[in-house]
């Protein structure tokens, strides 16, 4: 199947009968559909351009494009057409376009990087996208040029899956590429930036993905300027407010993730509107960094299990995995960033900034295809309407990408859509109730697309993992219990076991330390506590010996010998890092 046969589009712009695009606007179409027409009727139709839904709509598809859309009874089936009727109670919505994807880079253990990247992993993810109704993705993070080959295979009909618009390796700042490591082209100067753009352009990149974190304003501006000179769009992930302003001022075409390190301000909003910069929020990839701690209700639901094995859900619900995630410092910061990103999305949308669609799926513990539906739900939870979300995921994303034949379901556009069993305008989660996916005017074999997906082996929690985690949990429980106990030695130690050197001569020791005693005279008690400062160990004995009625005597401590008031024990410390020795004489 060749998904990129667009010659028919030229004809569709010719003068002809005026068809209903879904919103009442007159648009030119052919006078007569071709011999391979399809007639669909009965479903509620949502074009994705913001126009009102059409109940029990009639739709004519000519080969791979929308030919005409009408109200109930308004259109008649063309002679010889394939008829698909009886869709009452269903809804047709446009297929999604994701401007922020990472196909092929993650495995089911959450490991991310070049070692997972191969032709099979890329195509498998692209088929996962298509299964869930994603018609195209823009991707950064190609580790070896493979994405160009896969892109061309899909466009030429030699492979199935969502259309791939690739940035190749993409561009990031040296020292700030995060878990992408050395996958992107790493730059630090304007000259580096222009050279990197040139390399990607020579490879025939479709778009330039720029990770602007930690990048100087002049460097990111050079990326944008050079890309635009070469007729390439630039999509940037700019987590900080200042970085976002830098790339927007430079004329970036879209932000493919919400600003998340601080609240957006009026200056950024004004700049984005003035420069016509769209935002694709990518909330779901942020949520994935912490959500499994909360045992999300969607994890393992039937829609997810259609493509992803049940063992994956079991792994992500396993107490060992959840406990590890809880201990991750990234989880807490991601939760805060997610809240900020959601708030910023709503503020930008309310201010009139164009909202497009992107998810970051393909990053660790995200699930290509399925997470696009989760992204819609998170956009709804942030305060966007169902109609605005569907428009963002189709028309706005197609326009941002520059894909003239994709987007809303209007005459002349590719017939890429989902048939779902409920109304997404009432509840956006209805998009997951997919009965049919149509790509280029045909229903692909969804089962065959993802046949290999369930064969993917999922990392299991081993018995050793469980033993190790049990030990960690015991230690955590002990630490929590210790917090409630009195601490000594500048607050560094609890009191541990006591050591009796001779009758009447008993010394406490810090908790979790080791002690050895040598009888004298002089008696010697050596206490070792790994990592403890000598001054803290000395302070421990100053505090605890006082409780045993030892009195300070210069740098030492004294107390009467039991049964002989004429004599005193005298204990003097010799402290060093991780160790203290008490030398005890009888005076």
Foldseek 3Di string as FASTA:
>chain_A
DAQPPQPCLVVQQDAEDFADFQARDTHGAHPDADLAKEKEWAAWEFQLQLHDIAGRKIWIDRQFATGHIGHVPPDDDPPNYHYHYDQHLWYKFFFFEAAAEAFQAAALQLQGEDVRHDPVRRLLLQLLQVLLRHQEYEYAQAQPLVLLVVLVCCNGVVGDGHRYQYQQNAEEAPPPPPSSPVSHQHDADLVSLLVSLVVSVVSVHLAHEYEQVPHDLSNLLSNCVNCVVSVHAYEYADQAQVSLVSNLVSLHLEHAAFNQPDAHDPVSLVSCVVSLYEYAHQLLVLCQLAVLLVVDPPQQPPLVCLFAPSVSSVQSNDPLNSVVSVPDPSNVSSVNSSVRSLLNLVVSVVSPRHYAHHHNAPRGRHRRSVVSLVSLQSNVVSPDALSSSSSRRFVVHCVSSVVVQTGTRGGSHGPWIFIFNHDCRVPVNSSSRTPFTDGSRHTDPSCVSRVCRHVRDRDDQDPVSVVVVVVVVVVVVVVVVVVPADAWLVRPFHWDDWDDADVPDIGIATPPWDWDWDVDQFIKIKIFDAQAAQSSRLRRCVVPVVVVVWDDDPQWTWDARPPDNVKIWIWHWDTGGRMIMTTIDID
